[in-house]
C-alpha atoms as a PDB file:
ATOM      1  CA  MET A   1      19.438 -69.586   4.788  1.00  0.00           C
ATOM      2  CA  SER A   2      18.825 -68.921   8.291  1.00  0.00           C
ATOM      3  CA  LYS A   3      16.825 -66.072   9.572  1.00  0.00           C
ATOM      4  CA  VAL A   4      18.950 -62.804  10.176  1.00  0.00           C
ATOM      5  CA  LEU A   5      17.685 -60.202  12.499  1.00  0.00           C
ATOM      6  CA  LEU A   6      19.355 -56.829  12.809  1.00  0.00           C
ATOM      7  CA  PHE A   7      18.638 -54.727  15.956  1.00  0.00           C
ATOM      8  CA  SER A   8      19.292 -51.167  15.357  1.00  0.00           C
ATOM      9  CA  THR A   9      18.477 -47.465  15.921  1.00  0.00           C
ATOM     10  CA  SER A  10      17.687 -44.734  13.436  1.00  0.00           C
ATOM     11  CA  THR A  11      20.877 -42.778  14.138  1.00  0.00           C
ATOM     12  CA  CYS A  12      23.362 -45.632  13.994  1.00  0.00           C
ATOM     13  CA  SER A  13      25.857 -45.340  11.277  1.00  0.00           C
ATOM     14  CA  TRP A  14      27.131 -48.840  11.769  1.00  0.00           C
ATOM     15  CA  CYS A  15      23.470 -50.136  11.590  1.00  0.00           C
ATOM     16  CA  ARG A  16      23.253 -48.501   8.089  1.00  0.00           C
ATOM     17  CA  ARG A  17      26.298 -50.125   7.108  1.00  0.00           C
ATOM     18  CA  ALA A  18      25.150 -53.497   8.104  1.00  0.00           C
ATOM     19  CA  LYS A  19      21.903 -52.954   6.213  1.00  0.00           C
ATOM     20  CA  ARG A  20      23.701 -52.020   3.157  1.00  0.00           C
ATOM     21  CA  TYR A  21      26.059 -55.010   3.398  1.00  0.00           C
ATOM     22  CA  PHE A  22      23.077 -57.436   3.652  1.00  0.00           C
ATOM     23  CA  LYS A  23      21.235 -55.812   0.896  1.00  0.00           C
ATOM     24  CA  GLU A  24      24.382 -55.812  -1.541  1.00  0.00           C
ATOM     25  CA  ARG A  25      24.800 -59.621  -0.868  1.00  0.00           C
ATOM     26  CA  GLY A  26      21.239 -60.368  -1.391  1.00  0.00           C
ATOM     27  CA  VAL A  27      20.815 -61.539   2.309  1.00  0.00           C
ATOM     28  CA  PRO A  28      17.186 -61.250   3.666  1.00  0.00           C
ATOM     29  CA  PHE A  29      17.024 -59.707   7.057  1.00  0.00           C
ATOM     30  CA  LYS A  30      14.551 -58.326   9.546  1.00  0.00           C
ATOM     31  CA  GLU A  31      15.212 -55.072  11.025  1.00  0.00           C
ATOM     32  CA  ILE A  32      14.141 -54.259  14.768  1.00  0.00           C
ATOM     33  CA  ASN A  33      14.445 -50.555  15.787  1.00  0.00           C
ATOM     34  CA  ILE A  34      15.087 -50.725  19.474  1.00  0.00           C
ATOM     35  CA  GLU A  35      14.066 -47.150  19.826  1.00  0.00           C
ATOM     36  CA  ARG A  36      10.562 -48.241  18.983  1.00  0.00           C
ATOM     37  CA  ASP A  37      10.550 -51.638  20.546  1.00  0.00           C
ATOM     38  CA  ALA A  38      11.575 -51.462  24.393  1.00  0.00           C
ATOM     39  CA  GLY A  39      11.036 -55.247  24.703  1.00  0.00           C
ATOM     40  CA  ALA A  40      13.498 -55.898  22.062  1.00  0.00           C
ATOM     41  CA  ALA A  41      16.036 -53.477  23.613  1.00  0.00           C
ATOM     42  CA  ARG A  42      15.715 -55.377  26.895  1.00  0.00           C
ATOM     43  CA  ASP A  43      16.070 -58.854  25.005  1.00  0.00           C
ATOM     44  CA  ILE A  44      19.381 -57.744  23.463  1.00  0.00           C
ATOM     45  CA  VAL A  45      20.828 -56.611  26.750  1.00  0.00           C
ATOM     46  CA  ARG A  46      19.736 -59.811  28.495  1.00  0.00           C
ATOM     47  CA  LYS A  47      21.129 -62.062  25.760  1.00  0.00           C
ATOM     48  CA  THR A  48      24.415 -60.200  24.869  1.00  0.00           C
ATOM     49  CA  GLY A  49      25.129 -57.982  27.849  1.00  0.00           C
ATOM     50  CA  GLN A  50      25.436 -55.117  25.550  1.00  0.00           C
ATOM     51  CA  ARG A  51      23.468 -51.815  24.986  1.00  0.00           C
ATOM     52  CA  GLY A  52      25.072 -50.803  21.732  1.00  0.00           C
ATOM     53  CA  VAL A  53      23.925 -51.530  18.335  1.00  0.00           C
ATOM     54  CA  PRO A  54      24.001 -52.985  15.798  1.00  0.00           C
ATOM     55  CA  VAL A  55      23.286 -56.327  17.352  1.00  0.00           C
ATOM     56  CA  ILE A  56      22.828 -59.066  14.731  1.00  0.00           C
ATOM     57  CA  LYS A  57      21.299 -62.495  15.349  1.00  0.00           C
ATOM     58  CA  ILE A  58      22.020 -65.351  12.715  1.00  0.00           C
ATOM     59  CA  GLY A  59      20.133 -68.372  13.521  1.00  0.00           C
ATOM     60  CA  SER A  60      20.969 -68.884  17.051  1.00  0.00           C
ATOM     61  CA  ARG A  61      24.278 -66.763  17.055  1.00  0.00           C
ATOM     62  CA  TRP A  62      24.485 -63.186  18.420  1.00  0.00           C
ATOM     63  CA  ILE A  63      26.948 -60.924  16.941  1.00  0.00           C
ATOM     64  CA  VAL A  64      27.404 -57.460  18.555  1.00  0.00           C
ATOM     65  CA  GLY A  65      28.697 -54.665  16.247  1.00  0.00           C
ATOM     66  CA  PHE A  66      29.268 -54.759  12.395  1.00  0.00           C
ATOM     67  CA  ASP A  67      31.775 -57.527  12.510  1.00  0.00           C
ATOM     68  CA  LYS A  68      31.988 -58.669   8.686  1.00  0.00           C
ATOM     69  CA  GLU A  69      34.254 -61.742   9.464  1.00  0.00           C
ATOM     70  CA  GLN A  70      31.738 -63.116  11.958  1.00  0.00           C
ATOM     71  CA  ILE A  71      28.733 -62.329   9.758  1.00  0.00           C
ATOM     72  CA  ASP A  72      30.470 -64.056   6.813  1.00  0.00           C
ATOM     73  CA  LYS A  73      31.387 -66.865   8.883  1.00  0.00           C
ATOM     74  CA  GLU A  74      27.795 -67.317  10.257  1.00  0.00           C
ATOM     75  CA  LEU A  75      26.202 -66.938   6.850  1.00  0.00           C
ATOM     76  CA  ALA A  76      28.363 -69.501   5.155  1.00  0.00           C
ATOM     77  CA  ARG A  77      27.812 -71.901   8.132  1.00  0.00           C
ATOM     78  CA  LYS A  78      24.034 -71.552   7.802  1.00  0.00           C
ATOM     79  CA  ALA A  79      24.005 -71.855   4.049  1.00  0.00           C
ATOM     80  CA  SER A  80      25.603 -75.061   4.073  1.00  0.00           C
END
């Protein structure tokens, strides 16, 4: 399985939903809180053009927002 990164903030309800979604499915992920990591915040803006969270990186694919369809698609692609 490929590496999953979840860029979040402590007050983001969609980030909490994404974390719960990964945990319920047994998907290991690393959470990066952009409130505490200004470099990561700059990186996601540079890579995605977005300032909102959650931003999820699965392998080399960036997903902006909690888009279950895209998340499942990328997880399935990386698992095979």
